[in-house]
């Protein structure tokens, strides 16, 4: 399991920077983290239940809370705070960022939804 050596939030750009002990580092936008939250609210309880979360273009992170030695809970300014981001999941989000982001944009388009708030 990769272990973060640094987790740093740039509030101005709304980007979470995560560096791991294997030398990898990722810049993860708050919007991306919010729409890929590991919470049941977003992911559902079974495969195929994932929700497409719209209107989060301007979401920010207002808190980062450690969860044991294996994860963090991110608190977003839309008050979503139920997802626990394990080190493995953060690394996965970094590795798969381009693919997941494009899939998200495609899902928004297919459902007639927007990244912009209503």
PDB file of N, CA and C in Angstrom:
ATOM      1  N   UNK A   1       0.849  -1.172   0.000  1.00  0.00           N
ATOM      2  CA  UNK A   1       0.000   0.000   0.000  1.00  0.00           C
ATOM      3  C   UNK A   1       0.897   1.238   0.000  1.00  0.00           C
ATOM      4  N   UNK A   2       0.654   2.157  -0.937  1.00  0.00           N
ATOM      5  CA  UNK A   2       1.439   3.395  -0.937  1.00  0.00           C
ATOM      6  C   UNK A   2       1.083   4.236   0.284  1.00  0.00           C
ATOM      7  N   UNK A   3       2.077   4.937   0.805  1.00  0.00           N
ATOM      8  CA  UNK A   3       1.861   5.800   1.958  1.00  0.00           C
ATOM      9  C   UNK A   3       2.215   7.227   1.571  1.00  0.00           C
ATOM     10  N   UNK A   4       1.333   8.175   1.865  1.00  0.00           N
ATOM     11  CA  UNK A   4       1.649   9.562   1.536  1.00  0.00           C
ATOM     12  C   UNK A   4       2.824  10.089   2.352  1.00  0.00           C
ATOM     13  N   UNK A   5       3.675  10.845   1.695  1.00  0.00           N
ATOM     14  CA  UNK A   5       4.747  11.553   2.384  1.00  0.00           C
ATOM     15  C   UNK A   5       4.350  13.010   2.577  1.00  0.00           C
ATOM     16  N   UNK A   6       3.383  13.474   1.783  1.00  0.00           N
ATOM     17  CA  UNK A   6       2.875  14.832   1.918  1.00  0.00           C
ATOM     18  C   UNK A   6       1.450  14.901   1.386  1.00  0.00           C
ATOM     19  N   UNK A   7       0.602  15.582   2.132  1.00  0.00           N
ATOM     20  CA  UNK A   7      -0.748  15.911   1.671  1.00  0.00           C
ATOM     21  C   UNK A   7      -0.888  17.410   1.914  1.00  0.00           C
ATOM     22  N   UNK A   8      -1.051  18.157   0.826  1.00  0.00           N
ATOM     23  CA  UNK A   8      -1.083  19.612   0.933  1.00  0.00           C
ATOM     24  C   UNK A   8      -2.243  20.157   0.113  1.00  0.00           C
ATOM     25  N   UNK A   9      -3.029  21.001   0.732  1.00  0.00           N
ATOM     26  CA  UNK A   9      -4.172  21.613   0.058  1.00  0.00           C
ATOM     27  C   UNK A   9      -3.805  23.022  -0.385  1.00  0.00           C
ATOM     28  N   UNK A  10      -3.985  23.301  -1.662  1.00  0.00           N
ATOM     29  CA  UNK A  10      -3.855  24.656  -2.187  1.00  0.00           C
ATOM     30  C   UNK A  10      -5.274  25.202  -2.286  1.00  0.00           C
ATOM     31  N   UNK A  11      -5.666  25.967  -1.297  1.00  0.00           N
ATOM     32  CA  UNK A  11      -7.046  26.478  -1.249  1.00  0.00           C
ATOM     33  C   UNK A  11      -7.357  27.405  -2.415  1.00  0.00           C
ATOM     34  N   UNK A  12      -6.380  28.178  -2.859  1.00  0.00           N
ATOM     35  CA  UNK A  12      -6.609  29.138  -3.942  1.00  0.00           C
ATOM     36  C   UNK A  12      -7.000  28.440  -5.241  1.00  0.00           C
ATOM     37  N   UNK A  13      -6.337  27.330  -5.535  1.00  0.00           N
ATOM     38  CA  UNK A  13      -6.639  26.605  -6.779  1.00  0.00           C
ATOM     39  C   UNK A  13      -7.584  25.434  -6.553  1.00  0.00           C
ATOM     40  N   UNK A  14      -7.920  25.156  -5.278  1.00  0.00           N
ATOM     41  CA  UNK A  14      -8.791  24.043  -4.899  1.00  0.00           C
ATOM     42  C   UNK A  14      -8.222  22.708  -5.392  1.00  0.00           C
ATOM     43  N   UNK A  15      -6.923  22.504  -5.125  1.00  0.00           N
ATOM     44  CA  UNK A  15      -6.234  21.284  -5.546  1.00  0.00           C
ATOM     45  C   UNK A  15      -5.549  20.653  -4.335  1.00  0.00           C
ATOM     46  N   UNK A  16      -5.752  19.344  -4.183  1.00  0.00           N
ATOM     47  CA  UNK A  16      -5.078  18.575  -3.151  1.00  0.00           C
ATOM     48  C   UNK A  16      -3.851  17.919  -3.782  1.00  0.00           C
ATOM     49  N   UNK A  17      -2.679  18.238  -3.254  1.00  0.00           N
ATOM     50  CA  UNK A  17      -1.431  17.653  -3.742  1.00  0.00           C
ATOM     51  C   UNK A  17      -1.059  16.503  -2.819  1.00  0.00           C
ATOM     52  N   UNK A  18      -0.858  15.329  -3.403  1.00  0.00           N
ATOM     53  CA  UNK A  18      -0.519  14.149  -2.615  1.00  0.00           C
ATOM     54  C   UNK A  18       0.738  13.519  -3.201  1.00  0.00           C
ATOM     55  N   UNK A  19       1.772  13.370  -2.361  1.00  0.00           N
ATOM     56  CA  UNK A  19       3.008  12.696  -2.757  1.00  0.00           C
ATOM     57  C   UNK A  19       3.108  11.403  -1.967  1.00  0.00           C
ATOM     58  N   UNK A  20       3.579  10.345  -2.631  1.00  0.00           N
ATOM     59  CA  UNK A  20       3.670   9.026  -2.011  1.00  0.00           C
ATOM     60  C   UNK A  20       5.117   8.574  -1.875  1.00  0.00           C
ATOM     61  N   UNK A  21       5.323   7.598  -0.984  1.00  0.00           N
ATOM     62  CA  UNK A  21       6.664   7.098  -0.699  1.00  0.00           C
ATOM     63  C   UNK A  21       7.296   6.349  -1.868  1.00  0.00           C
ATOM     64  N   UNK A  22       6.516   6.036  -2.900  1.00  0.00           N
ATOM     65  CA  UNK A  22       7.095   5.380  -4.084  1.00  0.00           C
ATOM     66  C   UNK A  22       7.556   6.401  -5.127  1.00  0.00           C
ATOM     67  N   UNK A  23       7.464   7.696  -4.779  1.00  0.00           N
ATOM     68  CA  UNK A  23       7.918   8.749  -5.683  1.00  0.00           C
ATOM     69  C   UNK A  23       6.832   9.358  -6.549  1.00  0.00           C
ATOM     70  N   UNK A  24       5.637   8.777  -6.547  1.00  0.00           N
ATOM     71  CA  UNK A  24       4.555   9.347  -7.350  1.00  0.00           C
ATOM     72  C   UNK A  24       3.945  10.533  -6.617  1.00  0.00           C
ATOM     73  N   UNK A  25       3.419  11.462  -7.398  1.00  0.00           N
ATOM     74  CA  UNK A  25       2.757  12.639  -6.831  1.00  0.00           C
ATOM     75  C   UNK A  25       1.619  13.022  -7.763  1.00  0.00           C
ATOM     76  N   UNK A  26       0.524  13.467  -7.170  1.00  0.00           N
ATOM     77  CA  UNK A  26      -0.656  13.810  -7.950  1.00  0.00           C
ATOM     78  C   UNK A  26      -1.228  15.136  -7.472  1.00  0.00           C
ATOM     79  N   UNK A  27      -1.797  15.877  -8.405  1.00  0.00           N
ATOM     80  CA  UNK A  27      -2.534  17.101  -8.118  1.00  0.00           C
ATOM     81  C   UNK A  27      -3.994  16.781  -8.410  1.00  0.00           C
ATOM     82  N   UNK A  28      -4.801  16.677  -7.356  1.00  0.00           N
ATOM     83  CA  UNK A  28      -6.180  16.220  -7.484  1.00  0.00           C
ATOM     84  C   UNK A  28      -7.141  17.374  -7.188  1.00  0.00           C
ATOM     85  N   UNK A  29      -7.834  17.881  -8.221  1.00  0.00           N
ATOM     86  CA  UNK A  29      -8.780  18.975  -8.004  1.00  0.00           C
ATOM     87  C   UNK A  29      -9.915  18.556  -7.067  1.00  0.00           C
ATOM     88  N   UNK A  30     -10.372  19.508  -6.269  1.00  0.00           N
ATOM     89  CA  UNK A  30     -11.458  19.238  -5.320  1.00  0.00           C
ATOM     90  C   UNK A  30     -12.699  18.722  -6.042  1.00  0.00           C
ATOM     91  N   UNK A  31     -13.025  19.295  -7.189  1.00  0.00           N
ATOM     92  CA  UNK A  31     -14.207  18.843  -7.940  1.00  0.00           C
ATOM     93  C   UNK A  31     -14.080  17.361  -8.287  1.00  0.00           C
ATOM     94  N   UNK A  32     -12.914  16.957  -8.759  1.00  0.00           N
ATOM     95  CA  UNK A  32     -12.669  15.556  -9.109  1.00  0.00           C
ATOM     96  C   UNK A  32     -12.831  14.659  -7.878  1.00  0.00           C
ATOM     97  N   UNK A  33     -12.244  15.067  -6.764  1.00  0.00           N
ATOM     98  CA  UNK A  33     -12.359  14.270  -5.534  1.00  0.00           C
ATOM     99  C   UNK A  33     -13.811  14.191  -5.072  1.00  0.00           C
ATOM    100  N   UNK A  34     -14.543  15.283  -5.204  1.00  0.00           N
ATOM    101  CA  UNK A  34     -15.948  15.300  -4.771  1.00  0.00           C
ATOM    102  C   UNK A  34     -16.801  14.352  -5.610  1.00  0.00           C
ATOM    103  N   UNK A  35     -16.630  14.398  -6.924  1.00  0.00           N
ATOM    104  CA  UNK A  35     -17.484  13.567  -7.783  1.00  0.00           C
ATOM    105  C   UNK A  35     -17.045  12.102  -7.786  1.00  0.00           C
ATOM    106  N   UNK A  36     -15.841  11.818  -7.288  1.00  0.00           N
ATOM    107  CA  UNK A  36     -15.349  10.444  -7.164  1.00  0.00           C
ATOM    108  C   UNK A  36     -15.295   9.999  -5.699  1.00  0.00           C
ATOM    109  N   UNK A  37     -15.998  10.710  -4.830  1.00  0.00           N
ATOM    110  CA  UNK A  37     -15.994  10.370  -3.407  1.00  0.00           C
ATOM    111  C   UNK A  37     -16.318   8.888  -3.213  1.00  0.00           C
ATOM    112  N   UNK A  38     -15.597   8.230  -2.297  1.00  0.00           N
ATOM    113  CA  UNK A  38     -15.879   6.814  -2.039  1.00  0.00           C
ATOM    114  C   UNK A  38     -17.129   6.593  -1.189  1.00  0.00           C
ATOM    115  N   UNK A  39     -17.869   7.645  -0.886  1.00  0.00           N
ATOM    116  CA  UNK A  39     -19.065   7.516  -0.051  1.00  0.00           C
ATOM    117  C   UNK A  39     -20.151   6.701  -0.748  1.00  0.00           C
ATOM    118  N   UNK A  40     -21.018   6.103   0.045  1.00  0.00           N
ATOM    119  CA  UNK A  40     -22.156   5.362  -0.511  1.00  0.00           C
ATOM    120  C   UNK A  40     -23.090   6.302  -1.267  1.00  0.00           C
ATOM    121  N   UNK A  41     -23.150   7.565  -0.836  1.00  0.00           N
ATOM    122  CA  UNK A  41     -23.991   8.553  -1.511  1.00  0.00           C
ATOM    123  C   UNK A  41     -23.596   8.705  -2.988  1.00  0.00           C
ATOM    124  N   UNK A  42     -22.308   8.612  -3.276  1.00  0.00           N
ATOM    125  CA  UNK A  42     -21.822   8.751  -4.651  1.00  0.00           C
ATOM    126  C   UNK A  42     -21.671   7.392  -5.328  1.00  0.00           C
ATOM    127  N   UNK A  43     -21.042   6.448  -4.644  1.00  0.00           N
ATOM    128  CA  UNK A  43     -20.721   5.153  -5.253  1.00  0.00           C
ATOM    129  C   UNK A  43     -21.873   4.163  -5.224  1.00  0.00           C
ATOM    130  N   UNK A  44     -22.857   4.392  -4.350  1.00  0.00           N
ATOM    131  CA  UNK A  44     -23.934   3.430  -4.190  1.00  0.00           C
ATOM    132  C   UNK A  44     -23.491   2.283  -3.301  1.00  0.00           C
ATOM    133  N   UNK A  45     -24.372   1.317  -3.147  1.00  0.00           N
ATOM    134  CA  UNK A  45     -24.073   0.172  -2.295  1.00  0.00           C
ATOM    135  C   UNK A  45     -23.705  -1.069  -3.096  1.00  0.00           C
ATOM    136  N   UNK A  46     -23.903  -1.019  -4.405  1.00  0.00           N
ATOM    137  CA  UNK A  46     -23.612  -2.159  -5.273  1.00  0.00           C
ATOM    138  C   UNK A  46     -23.007  -1.637  -6.570  1.00  0.00           C
ATOM    139  N   UNK A  47     -22.252  -2.476  -7.268  1.00  0.00           N
ATOM    140  CA  UNK A  47     -21.716  -2.054  -8.564  1.00  0.00           C
ATOM    141  C   UNK A  47     -22.849  -1.586  -9.485  1.00  0.00           C
ATOM    142  N   UNK A  48     -22.581  -0.559 -10.234  1.00  0.00           N
ATOM    143  CA  UNK A  48     -23.583  -0.045 -11.160  1.00  0.00           C
ATOM    144  C   UNK A  48     -24.509   1.000 -10.562  1.00  0.00           C
ATOM    145  N   UNK A  49     -24.346   1.317  -9.282  1.00  0.00           N
ATOM    146  CA  UNK A  49     -25.208   2.305  -8.638  1.00  0.00           C
ATOM    147  C   UNK A  49     -24.558   3.683  -8.529  1.00  0.00           C
ATOM    148  N   UNK A  50     -23.372   3.868  -9.097  1.00  0.00           N
ATOM    149  CA  UNK A  50     -22.661   5.138  -8.970  1.00  0.00           C
ATOM    150  C   UNK A  50     -23.510   6.289  -9.493  1.00  0.00           C
ATOM    151  N   UNK A  51     -23.530   7.368  -8.734  1.00  0.00           N
ATOM    152  CA  UNK A  51     -24.280   8.564  -9.087  1.00  0.00           C
ATOM    153  C   UNK A  51     -23.390   9.537  -9.854  1.00  0.00           C
ATOM    154  N   UNK A  52     -23.969  10.247 -10.790  1.00  0.00           N
ATOM    155  CA  UNK A  52     -23.262  11.316 -11.478  1.00  0.00           C
ATOM    156  C   UNK A  52     -23.583  12.608 -10.729  1.00  0.00           C
ATOM    157  N   UNK A  53     -22.591  13.139 -10.059  1.00  0.00           N
ATOM    158  CA  UNK A  53     -22.767  14.330  -9.228  1.00  0.00           C
ATOM    159  C   UNK A  53     -22.500  15.561 -10.097  1.00  0.00           C
ATOM    160  N   UNK A  54     -23.522  16.358 -10.307  1.00  0.00           N
ATOM    161  CA  UNK A  54     -23.401  17.551 -11.151  1.00  0.00           C
ATOM    162  C   UNK A  54     -23.246  18.806 -10.298  1.00  0.00           C
ATOM    163  N   UNK A  55     -22.886  19.905 -10.959  1.00  0.00           N
ATOM    164  CA  UNK A  55     -22.885  21.211 -10.324  1.00  0.00           C
ATOM    165  C   UNK A  55     -21.809  21.460  -9.292  1.00  0.00           C
ATOM    166  N   UNK A  56     -20.671  20.792  -9.416  1.00  0.00           N
ATOM    167  CA  UNK A  56     -19.631  20.932  -8.392  1.00  0.00           C
ATOM    168  C   UNK A  56     -18.359  21.621  -8.913  1.00  0.00           C
ATOM    169  N   UNK A  57     -18.466  22.361 -10.003  1.00  0.00           N
ATOM    170  CA  UNK A  57     -17.287  23.001 -10.596  1.00  0.00           C
ATOM    171  C   UNK A  57     -16.509  23.837  -9.569  1.00  0.00           C
ATOM    172  N   UNK A  58     -17.190  24.523  -8.677  1.00  0.00           N
ATOM    173  CA  UNK A  58     -16.534  25.458  -7.759  1.00  0.00           C
ATOM    174  C   UNK A  58     -16.385  24.921  -6.343  1.00  0.00           C
ATOM    175  N   UNK A  59     -16.587  23.618  -6.138  1.00  0.00           N
ATOM    176  CA  UNK A  59     -16.489  23.052  -4.794  1.00  0.00           C
ATOM    177  C   UNK A  59     -15.049  23.147  -4.279  1.00  0.00           C
ATOM    178  N   UNK A  60     -14.936  23.368  -2.992  1.00  0.00           N
ATOM    179  CA  UNK A  60     -13.628  23.411  -2.354  1.00  0.00           C
ATOM    180  C   UNK A  60     -13.570  22.427  -1.204  1.00  0.00           C
ATOM    181  N   UNK A  61     -12.390  22.286  -0.663  1.00  0.00           N
ATOM    182  CA  UNK A  61     -12.166  21.426   0.502  1.00  0.00           C
ATOM    183  C   UNK A  61     -11.933  22.342   1.691  1.00  0.00           C
ATOM    184  N   UNK A  62     -12.698  22.134   2.758  1.00  0.00           N
ATOM    185  CA  UNK A  62     -12.547  22.979   3.945  1.00  0.00           C
ATOM    186  C   UNK A  62     -11.921  22.234   5.119  1.00  0.00           C
ATOM    187  N   UNK A  63     -11.751  20.933   4.972  1.00  0.00           N
ATOM    188  CA  UNK A  63     -11.135  20.176   6.049  1.00  0.00           C
ATOM    189  C   UNK A  63     -10.546  18.866   5.570  1.00  0.00           C
ATOM    190  N   UNK A  64      -9.447  18.487   6.211  1.00  0.00           N
ATOM    191  CA  UNK A  64      -8.805  17.197   5.961  1.00  0.00           C
ATOM    192  C   UNK A  64      -8.593  16.575   7.329  1.00  0.00           C
ATOM    193  N   UNK A  65      -9.271  15.453   7.574  1.00  0.00           N
ATOM    194  CA  UNK A  65      -9.211  14.815   8.884  1.00  0.00           C
ATOM    195  C   UNK A  65      -8.578  13.432   8.755  1.00  0.00           C
ATOM    196  N   UNK A  66      -7.527  13.149   9.531  1.00  0.00           N
ATOM    197  CA  UNK A  66      -6.927  11.814   9.475  1.00  0.00           C
ATOM    198  C   UNK A  66      -7.890  10.749   9.986  1.00  0.00           C
ATOM    199  N   UNK A  67      -7.835   9.588   9.354  1.00  0.00           N
ATOM    200  CA  UNK A  67      -8.610   8.423   9.789  1.00  0.00           C
ATOM    201  C   UNK A  67      -7.589   7.305  10.004  1.00  0.00           C
ATOM    202  N   UNK A  68      -7.227   7.080  11.254  1.00  0.00           N
ATOM    203  CA  UNK A  68      -6.206   6.085  11.554  1.00  0.00           C
ATOM    204  C   UNK A  68      -4.910   6.410  10.824  1.00  0.00           C
ATOM    205  N   UNK A  69      -4.232   5.365  10.391  1.00  0.00           N
ATOM    206  CA  UNK A  69      -2.983   5.529   9.643  1.00  0.00           C
ATOM    207  C   UNK A  69      -3.167   5.117   8.192  1.00  0.00           C
ATOM    208  N   UNK A  70      -4.426   5.092   7.722  1.00  0.00           N
ATOM    209  CA  UNK A  70      -4.674   4.542   6.397  1.00  0.00           C
ATOM    210  C   UNK A  70      -5.508   5.434   5.493  1.00  0.00           C
ATOM    211  N   UNK A  71      -6.002   6.577   5.983  1.00  0.00           N
ATOM    212  CA  UNK A  71      -6.934   7.351   5.160  1.00  0.00           C
ATOM    213  C   UNK A  71      -7.110   8.762   5.703  1.00  0.00           C
ATOM    214  N   UNK A  72      -7.828   9.568   4.906  1.00  0.00           N
ATOM    215  CA  UNK A  72      -8.290  10.881   5.349  1.00  0.00           C
ATOM    216  C   UNK A  72      -9.760  11.017   4.969  1.00  0.00           C
ATOM    217  N   UNK A  73     -10.451  11.816   5.772  1.00  0.00           N
ATOM    218  CA  UNK A  73     -11.822  12.206   5.441  1.00  0.00           C
ATOM    219  C   UNK A  73     -11.715  13.637   4.938  1.00  0.00           C
ATOM    220  N   UNK A  74     -12.238  13.868   3.750  1.00  0.00           N
ATOM    221  CA  UNK A  74     -12.241  15.217   3.197  1.00  0.00           C
ATOM    222  C   UNK A  74     -13.597  15.850   3.465  1.00  0.00           C
ATOM    223  N   UNK A  75     -13.574  17.089   3.913  1.00  0.00           N
ATOM    224  CA  UNK A  75     -14.796  17.837   4.150  1.00  0.00           C
ATOM    225  C   UNK A  75     -14.860  18.911   3.064  1.00  0.00           C
ATOM    226  N   UNK A  76     -15.893  18.838   2.254  1.00  0.00           N
ATOM    227  CA  UNK A  76     -16.063  19.765   1.140  1.00  0.00           C
ATOM    228  C   UNK A  76     -16.959  20.926   1.568  1.00  0.00           C
ATOM    229  N   UNK A  77     -16.842  22.052   0.877  1.00  0.00           N
ATOM    230  CA  UNK A  77     -17.628  23.215   1.276  1.00  0.00           C
ATOM    231  C   UNK A  77     -19.108  23.100   0.916  1.00  0.00           C
ATOM    232  N   UNK A  78     -19.497  22.024   0.219  1.00  0.00           N
ATOM    233  CA  UNK A  78     -20.930  21.745   0.050  1.00  0.00           C
ATOM    234  C   UNK A  78     -21.427  20.852   1.196  1.00  0.00           C
ATOM    235  N   UNK A  79     -20.555  20.670   2.196  1.00  0.00           N
ATOM    236  CA  UNK A  79     -20.789  19.915   3.427  1.00  0.00           C
ATOM    237  C   UNK A  79     -20.804  18.398   3.243  1.00  0.00           C
ATOM    238  N   UNK A  80     -20.400  17.921   2.088  1.00  0.00           N
ATOM    239  CA  UNK A  80     -20.224  16.471   1.904  1.00  0.00           C
ATOM    240  C   UNK A  80     -18.980  16.069   2.697  1.00  0.00           C
ATOM    241  N   UNK A  81     -19.129  15.063   3.562  1.00  0.00           N
ATOM    242  CA  UNK A  81     -17.986  14.651   4.390  1.00  0.00           C
ATOM    243  C   UNK A  81     -18.011  13.164   4.740  1.00  0.00           C
ATOM    244  N   UNK A  82     -18.756  12.375   3.991  1.00  0.00           N
ATOM    245  CA  UNK A  82     -18.913  10.974   4.378  1.00  0.00           C
ATOM    246  C   UNK A  82     -17.957  10.013   3.680  1.00  0.00           C
ATOM    247  N   UNK A  83     -17.160  10.495   2.764  1.00  0.00           N
ATOM    248  CA  UNK A  83     -16.226   9.604   2.076  1.00  0.00           C
ATOM    249  C   UNK A  83     -14.900   9.510   2.807  1.00  0.00           C
ATOM    250  N   UNK A  84     -14.404   8.311   2.986  1.00  0.00           N
ATOM    251  CA  UNK A  84     -13.088   8.100   3.578  1.00  0.00           C
ATOM    252  C   UNK A  84     -12.145   7.702   2.439  1.00  0.00           C
ATOM    253  N   UNK A  85     -11.167   8.564   2.194  1.00  0.00           N
ATOM    254  CA  UNK A  85     -10.223   8.374   1.091  1.00  0.00           C
ATOM    255  C   UNK A  85      -8.990   7.644   1.616  1.00  0.00           C
ATOM    256  N   UNK A  86      -8.925   6.341   1.359  1.00  0.00           N
ATOM    257  CA  UNK A  86      -7.759   5.555   1.785  1.00  0.00           C
ATOM    258  C   UNK A  86      -6.559   5.953   0.927  1.00  0.00           C
ATOM    259  N   UNK A  87      -5.360   5.619   1.410  1.00  0.00           N
ATOM    260  CA  UNK A  87      -4.155   5.904   0.621  1.00  0.00           C
ATOM    261  C   UNK A  87      -4.240   5.191  -0.721  1.00  0.00           C
ATOM    262  N   UNK A  88      -4.709   3.947  -0.729  1.00  0.00           N
ATOM    263  CA  UNK A  88      -4.848   3.207  -1.988  1.00  0.00           C
ATOM    264  C   UNK A  88      -5.800   3.915  -2.948  1.00  0.00           C
ATOM    265  N   UNK A  89      -6.931   4.408  -2.422  1.00  0.00           N
ATOM    266  CA  UNK A  89      -7.914   5.057  -3.286  1.00  0.00           C
ATOM    267  C   UNK A  89      -7.378   6.383  -3.829  1.00  0.00           C
ATOM    268  N   UNK A  90      -6.668   7.163  -3.004  1.00  0.00           N
ATOM    269  CA  UNK A  90      -6.069   8.404  -3.499  1.00  0.00           C
ATOM    270  C   UNK A  90      -5.058   8.112  -4.611  1.00  0.00           C
ATOM    271  N   UNK A  91      -4.239   7.085  -4.426  1.00  0.00           N
ATOM    272  CA  UNK A  91      -3.271   6.714  -5.460  1.00  0.00           C
ATOM    273  C   UNK A  91      -3.991   6.261  -6.732  1.00  0.00           C
ATOM    274  N   UNK A  92      -5.051   5.488  -6.581  1.00  0.00           N
ATOM    275  CA  UNK A  92      -5.848   5.039  -7.727  1.00  0.00           C
ATOM    276  C   UNK A  92      -6.456   6.233  -8.464  1.00  0.00           C
ATOM    277  N   UNK A  93      -7.002   7.183  -7.709  1.00  0.00           N
ATOM    278  CA  UNK A  93      -7.576   8.379  -8.335  1.00  0.00           C
ATOM    279  C   UNK A  93      -6.508   9.141  -9.114  1.00  0.00           C
ATOM    280  N   UNK A  94      -5.304   9.183  -8.584  1.00  0.00           N
ATOM    281  CA  UNK A  94      -4.210   9.848  -9.294  1.00  0.00           C
ATOM    282  C   UNK A  94      -3.830   9.122 -10.579  1.00  0.00           C
ATOM    283  N   UNK A  95      -3.656   7.823 -10.480  1.00  0.00           N
ATOM    284  CA  UNK A  95      -3.271   7.022 -11.652  1.00  0.00           C
ATOM    285  C   UNK A  95      -4.328   7.065 -12.742  1.00  0.00           C
ATOM    286  N   UNK A  96      -5.590   7.067 -12.345  1.00  0.00           N
ATOM    287  CA  UNK A  96      -6.693   6.957 -13.299  1.00  0.00           C
ATOM    288  C   UNK A  96      -7.387   8.291 -13.578  1.00  0.00           C
ATOM    289  N   UNK A  97      -6.747   9.387 -13.202  1.00  0.00           N
ATOM    290  CA  UNK A  97      -7.402  10.689 -13.270  1.00  0.00           C
ATOM    291  C   UNK A  97      -7.913  11.031 -14.673  1.00  0.00           C
ATOM    292  N   UNK A  98      -7.085  10.887 -15.675  1.00  0.00           N
ATOM    293  CA  UNK A  98      -7.522  11.253 -17.032  1.00  0.00           C
ATOM    294  C   UNK A  98      -8.725  10.419 -17.475  1.00  0.00           C
ATOM    295  N   UNK A  99      -8.655   9.127 -17.275  1.00  0.00           N
ATOM    296  CA  UNK A  99      -9.731   8.226 -17.688  1.00  0.00           C
ATOM    297  C   UNK A  99     -11.022   8.506 -16.905  1.00  0.00           C
ATOM    298  N   UNK A 100     -10.907   8.606 -15.588  1.00  0.00           N
ATOM    299  CA  UNK A 100     -12.095   8.839 -14.751  1.00  0.00           C
ATOM    300  C   UNK A 100     -12.734  10.191 -15.051  1.00  0.00           C
ATOM    301  N   UNK A 101     -11.891  11.217 -15.267  1.00  0.00           N
ATOM    302  CA  UNK A 101     -12.430  12.549 -15.543  1.00  0.00           C
ATOM    303  C   UNK A 101     -13.202  12.547 -16.863  1.00  0.00           C
ATOM    304  N   UNK A 102     -12.645  11.916 -17.881  1.00  0.00           N
ATOM    305  CA  UNK A 102     -13.343  11.867 -19.171  1.00  0.00           C
ATOM    306  C   UNK A 102     -14.646  11.082 -19.052  1.00  0.00           C
ATOM    307  N   UNK A 103     -14.637   9.993 -18.286  1.00  0.00           N
ATOM    308  CA  UNK A 103     -15.862   9.219 -18.074  1.00  0.00           C
ATOM    309  C   UNK A 103     -16.911  10.073 -17.365  1.00  0.00           C
ATOM    310  N   UNK A 104     -16.482  10.891 -16.418  1.00  0.00           N
ATOM    311  CA  UNK A 104     -17.392  11.786 -15.706  1.00  0.00           C
ATOM    312  C   UNK A 104     -17.992  12.811 -16.669  1.00  0.00           C
ATOM    313  N   UNK A 105     -17.149  13.438 -17.481  1.00  0.00           N
ATOM    314  CA  UNK A 105     -17.638  14.423 -18.457  1.00  0.00           C
ATOM    315  C   UNK A 105     -18.618  13.774 -19.433  1.00  0.00           C
ATOM    316  N   UNK A 106     -18.320  12.562 -19.860  1.00  0.00           N
ATOM    317  CA  UNK A 106     -19.215  11.837 -20.764  1.00  0.00           C
ATOM    318  C   UNK A 106     -20.548  11.539 -20.089  1.00  0.00           C
ATOM    319  N   UNK A 107     -20.521  11.150 -18.824  1.00  0.00           N
ATOM    320  CA  UNK A 107     -21.759  10.849 -18.090  1.00  0.00           C
ATOM    321  C   UNK A 107     -22.602  12.112 -17.925  1.00  0.00           C
ATOM    322  N   UNK A 108     -21.956  13.236 -17.619  1.00  0.00           N
ATOM    323  CA  UNK A 108     -22.695  14.497 -17.521  1.00  0.00           C
ATOM    324  C   UNK A 108     -23.400  14.808 -18.836  1.00  0.00           C
ATOM    325  N   UNK A 109     -22.666  14.702 -19.935  1.00  0.00           N
ATOM    326  CA  UNK A 109     -23.225  15.016 -21.253  1.00  0.00           C
ATOM    327  C   UNK A 109     -24.378  14.084 -21.592  1.00  0.00           C
ATOM    328  N   UNK A 110     -24.204  12.807 -21.310  1.00  0.00           N
ATOM    329  CA  UNK A 110     -25.240  11.824 -21.644  1.00  0.00           C
ATOM    330  C   UNK A 110     -26.527  12.073 -20.856  1.00  0.00           C
ATOM    331  N   UNK A 111     -26.387  12.649 -19.652  1.00  0.00           N
ATOM    332  CA  UNK A 111     -27.556  12.884 -18.798  1.00  0.00           C
ATOM    333  C   UNK A 111     -28.047  14.328 -18.879  1.00  0.00           C
ATOM    334  N   UNK A 112     -27.416  15.134 -19.729  1.00  0.00           N
ATOM    335  CA  UNK A 112     -27.839  16.524 -19.875  1.00  0.00           C
ATOM    336  C   UNK A 112     -27.547  17.358 -18.640  1.00  0.00           C
ATOM    337  N   UNK A 113     -26.495  17.001 -17.917  1.00  0.00           N
ATOM    338  CA  UNK A 113     -26.129  17.695 -16.681  1.00  0.00           C
ATOM    339  C   UNK A 113     -24.919  18.602 -16.926  1.00  0.00           C
ATOM    340  N   UNK A 114     -24.647  19.474 -15.967  1.00  0.00           N
ATOM    341  CA  UNK A 114     -23.555  20.432 -16.099  1.00  0.00           C
ATOM    342  C   UNK A 114     -22.660  20.402 -14.866  1.00  0.00           C
ATOM    343  N   UNK A 115     -21.411  20.787 -15.055  1.00  0.00           N
ATOM    344  CA  UNK A 115     -20.488  20.951 -13.930  1.00  0.00           C
ATOM    345  C   UNK A 115     -20.835  22.193 -13.129  1.00  0.00           C
ATOM    346  N   UNK A 116     -21.539  23.135 -13.744  1.00  0.00           N
ATOM    347  CA  UNK A 116     -21.882  24.391 -13.090  1.00  0.00           C
ATOM    348  C   UNK A 116     -23.060  24.226 -12.148  1.00  0.00           C
ATOM    349  N   UNK A 117     -23.031  24.950 -11.018  1.00  0.00           N
ATOM    350  CA  UNK A 117     -24.174  24.909 -10.102  1.00  0.00           C
ATOM    351  C   UNK A 117     -25.417  25.496 -10.772  1.00  0.00           C
ATOM    352  N   UNK A 118     -26.572  25.076 -10.328  1.00  0.00           N
ATOM    353  CA  UNK A 118     -27.837  25.578 -10.896  1.00  0.00           C
ATOM    354  C   UNK A 118     -28.077  27.007 -10.489  1.00  0.00           C
TER     355      UNK A 118
END
